[in-house]
Amino acid sequence: MFGGVSSLSLDSKGRLVIPARQREVLLSTLGPRVVVTLESFDHLLIYPEQHWKPVLERLLALPAGNPVLKKYQRLVMGYAETLEMDGAGRILLPAGLRDKVRLGRDLALVGMGNRFELWNAADWEAQTDEALALDPAELAAHLGDFTL
């Protein structure tokens, strides 16, 4: 499982170096291939290939007649790119995906359990500030019995 936030930079060719601690887990247990896709305007999702397969199955199982769900399927599945880490632990992020979420040079790679989110560093900081500013009573109402 992946956790933590890593500050990273894209190189001039659009390559992202997967941090050593995550790279070791990926290579030793899940393999060198990842799937990068779009889900929203502000970040990319990066799944180890093995973790992407059940997500893909769930996407394919969504009701076919629902036009909203069909648009979501097209977005997530249509932009999904399978990438392989090179010997230096880098992946080349497709320019189209980088452009869609306006990724700059400075990034934040956020471990989210079975996947990563890739954010512009400034957008991630703003997202963090918003989360820290949540009203505790409102958050508690949404969390129910959940506690850390």
Protein backbone atom coordinates (compact mmCIF):
# COMPACT_ATOMS: atom_id res chain seq x y z
CA MET A 1 0.00 0.00 0.00
CA PHE A 2 1.20 3.48 -0.85
CA GLY A 3 1.15 6.51 1.41
CA GLY A 4 2.95 9.76 1.93
CA VAL A 5 3.61 12.82 -0.21
CA SER A 6 6.76 13.19 -2.30
CA SER A 7 7.86 16.48 -3.87
CA LEU A 8 9.14 15.77 -7.37
CA SER A 9 10.13 17.51 -10.59
CA LEU A 10 9.48 16.62 -14.20
CA ASP A 11 12.58 16.65 -16.35
CA SER A 12 12.72 18.53 -19.65
CA LYS A 13 11.44 15.46 -21.53
CA GLY A 14 8.36 15.04 -19.30
CA ARG A 15 9.75 12.13 -17.30
CA LEU A 16 8.88 11.54 -13.68
CA VAL A 17 11.25 9.68 -11.36
CA ILE A 18 9.30 7.37 -9.05
CA PRO A 19 10.79 7.85 -5.55
CA ALA A 20 13.01 5.01 -4.36
CA ARG A 21 10.72 3.82 -1.54
CA GLN A 22 7.73 3.44 -3.90
CA ARG A 23 9.86 2.15 -6.76
CA GLU A 24 11.21 -0.69 -4.60
CA VAL A 25 7.68 -1.81 -3.69
CA LEU A 26 6.52 -1.57 -7.29
CA LEU A 27 9.45 -3.49 -8.73
CA SER A 28 9.64 -6.17 -6.05
CA THR A 29 5.93 -7.00 -5.79
CA LEU A 30 3.94 -5.41 -8.62
CA GLY A 31 6.26 -5.02 -11.59
CA PRO A 32 7.54 -2.05 -13.61
CA ARG A 33 4.30 -1.19 -15.43
CA VAL A 34 1.83 1.47 -14.32
CA VAL A 35 -1.38 2.86 -15.78
CA VAL A 36 -1.77 6.63 -15.78
CA THR A 37 -5.17 8.15 -16.40
CA LEU A 38 -7.35 11.19 -16.03
CA GLU A 39 -10.22 11.46 -13.58
CA SER A 40 -10.48 15.18 -12.91
CA PHE A 41 -9.03 18.50 -14.04
CA ASP A 42 -6.58 18.83 -11.16
CA HIS A 43 -4.57 15.60 -10.95
CA LEU A 44 -3.66 12.32 -12.63
CA LEU A 45 -4.15 8.84 -11.21
CA ILE A 46 -1.27 6.35 -11.36
CA TYR A 47 -2.07 2.70 -10.70
CA PRO A 48 0.34 -0.23 -10.63
CA GLU A 49 -0.83 -2.34 -13.56
CA GLN A 50 -2.04 -5.15 -11.28
CA HIS A 51 -4.17 -2.71 -9.27
CA TRP A 52 -5.62 -1.17 -12.44
CA LYS A 53 -7.14 -4.43 -13.67
CA PRO A 54 -9.91 -4.61 -11.00
CA VAL A 55 -10.63 -0.91 -11.51
CA LEU A 56 -11.03 -1.53 -15.22
CA GLU A 57 -13.38 -4.45 -14.52
CA ARG A 58 -15.53 -2.23 -12.26
CA LEU A 59 -15.60 0.49 -14.92
CA LEU A 60 -16.70 -2.01 -17.55
CA ALA A 61 -19.45 -3.28 -15.24
CA LEU A 62 -21.11 0.15 -14.92
CA PRO A 63 -24.62 0.32 -16.43
CA ALA A 64 -24.26 0.85 -20.18
CA GLY A 65 -27.45 2.88 -20.59
CA ASN A 66 -26.51 5.70 -18.24
CA PRO A 67 -25.08 8.62 -20.28
CA VAL A 68 -23.30 10.18 -17.28
CA LEU A 69 -21.53 6.92 -16.45
CA LYS A 70 -20.68 6.40 -20.13
CA LYS A 71 -18.93 9.80 -20.17
CA TYR A 72 -17.01 8.85 -17.02
CA GLN A 73 -15.98 5.51 -18.58
CA ARG A 74 -14.78 7.28 -21.71
CA LEU A 75 -12.79 9.76 -19.67
CA VAL A 76 -11.03 7.30 -17.37
CA MET A 77 -10.60 4.42 -19.83
CA GLY A 78 -10.00 6.58 -22.89
CA TYR A 79 -7.09 8.43 -21.31
CA ALA A 80 -5.57 5.37 -19.63
CA GLU A 81 -1.97 4.82 -20.75
CA THR A 82 0.15 1.83 -19.73
CA LEU A 83 3.72 2.96 -19.08
CA GLU A 84 6.86 1.09 -18.10
CA MET A 85 9.53 2.40 -15.76
CA ASP A 86 12.94 2.60 -17.32
CA GLY A 87 16.12 1.41 -15.59
CA ALA A 88 16.38 4.69 -13.67
CA GLY A 89 12.82 4.37 -12.31
CA ARG A 90 11.37 7.01 -14.63
CA ILE A 91 8.09 7.06 -16.51
CA LEU A 92 7.44 9.30 -19.49
CA LEU A 93 4.14 11.06 -18.86
CA PRO A 94 2.24 11.61 -22.12
CA ALA A 95 2.04 15.29 -23.05
CA GLY A 96 -1.74 15.08 -23.53
CA LEU A 97 -2.27 13.93 -19.96
CA ARG A 98 0.17 16.52 -18.59
CA ASP A 99 -1.63 19.26 -20.50
CA LYS A 100 -5.14 18.20 -19.41
CA VAL A 101 -4.31 18.71 -15.72
CA ARG A 102 -1.82 21.55 -16.34
CA LEU A 103 1.14 19.79 -14.74
CA GLY A 104 4.15 22.02 -14.39
CA ARG A 105 7.68 21.16 -13.40
CA ASP A 106 7.12 20.96 -9.61
CA LEU A 107 4.83 18.11 -8.58
CA ALA A 108 3.46 16.23 -5.59
CA LEU A 109 3.09 12.44 -5.78
CA VAL A 110 0.50 11.39 -3.19
CA GLY A 111 0.18 7.77 -2.08
CA MET A 112 -3.49 6.78 -1.84
CA GLY A 113 -3.41 3.12 -0.85
CA ASN A 114 -3.57 1.15 -4.09
CA ARG A 115 -2.69 4.11 -6.33
CA PHE A 116 -1.00 7.49 -6.52
CA GLU A 117 -2.34 10.92 -7.35
CA LEU A 118 -0.03 13.29 -9.23
CA TRP A 119 -0.63 16.99 -8.60
CA ASN A 120 1.00 20.30 -9.42
CA ALA A 121 2.82 21.18 -6.22
CA ALA A 122 0.96 24.49 -5.80
CA ASP A 123 -2.43 22.83 -6.40
CA TRP A 124 -1.58 20.14 -3.84
CA GLU A 125 -0.69 22.80 -1.27
CA ALA A 126 -4.02 24.54 -1.91
CA GLN A 127 -5.85 21.21 -1.58
CA THR A 128 -4.05 20.54 1.70
CA ASP A 129 -4.95 24.00 3.03
CA GLU A 130 -8.62 23.41 2.11
CA ALA A 131 -8.61 20.07 3.92
CA LEU A 132 -7.03 21.61 7.02
CA ALA A 133 -9.68 24.34 7.01
CA LEU A 134 -12.62 21.90 7.03
CA ASP A 135 -15.13 22.53 9.78
CA PRO A 136 -14.63 19.68 12.29
CA ALA A 137 -18.40 19.35 12.87
CA GLU A 138 -19.11 19.08 9.14
CA LEU A 139 -16.34 16.53 8.74
CA ALA A 140 -17.66 14.49 11.67
CA ALA A 141 -21.13 14.47 10.09
CA HIS A 142 -19.68 12.91 6.92
CA LEU A 143 -17.37 10.47 8.72
CA GLY A 144 -20.05 8.93 10.93
CA ASP A 145 -18.41 6.35 13.20
CA PHE A 146 -15.10 6.40 11.33
CA THR A 147 -12.07 7.35 13.42
CA LEU A 148 -8.36 7.14 12.85
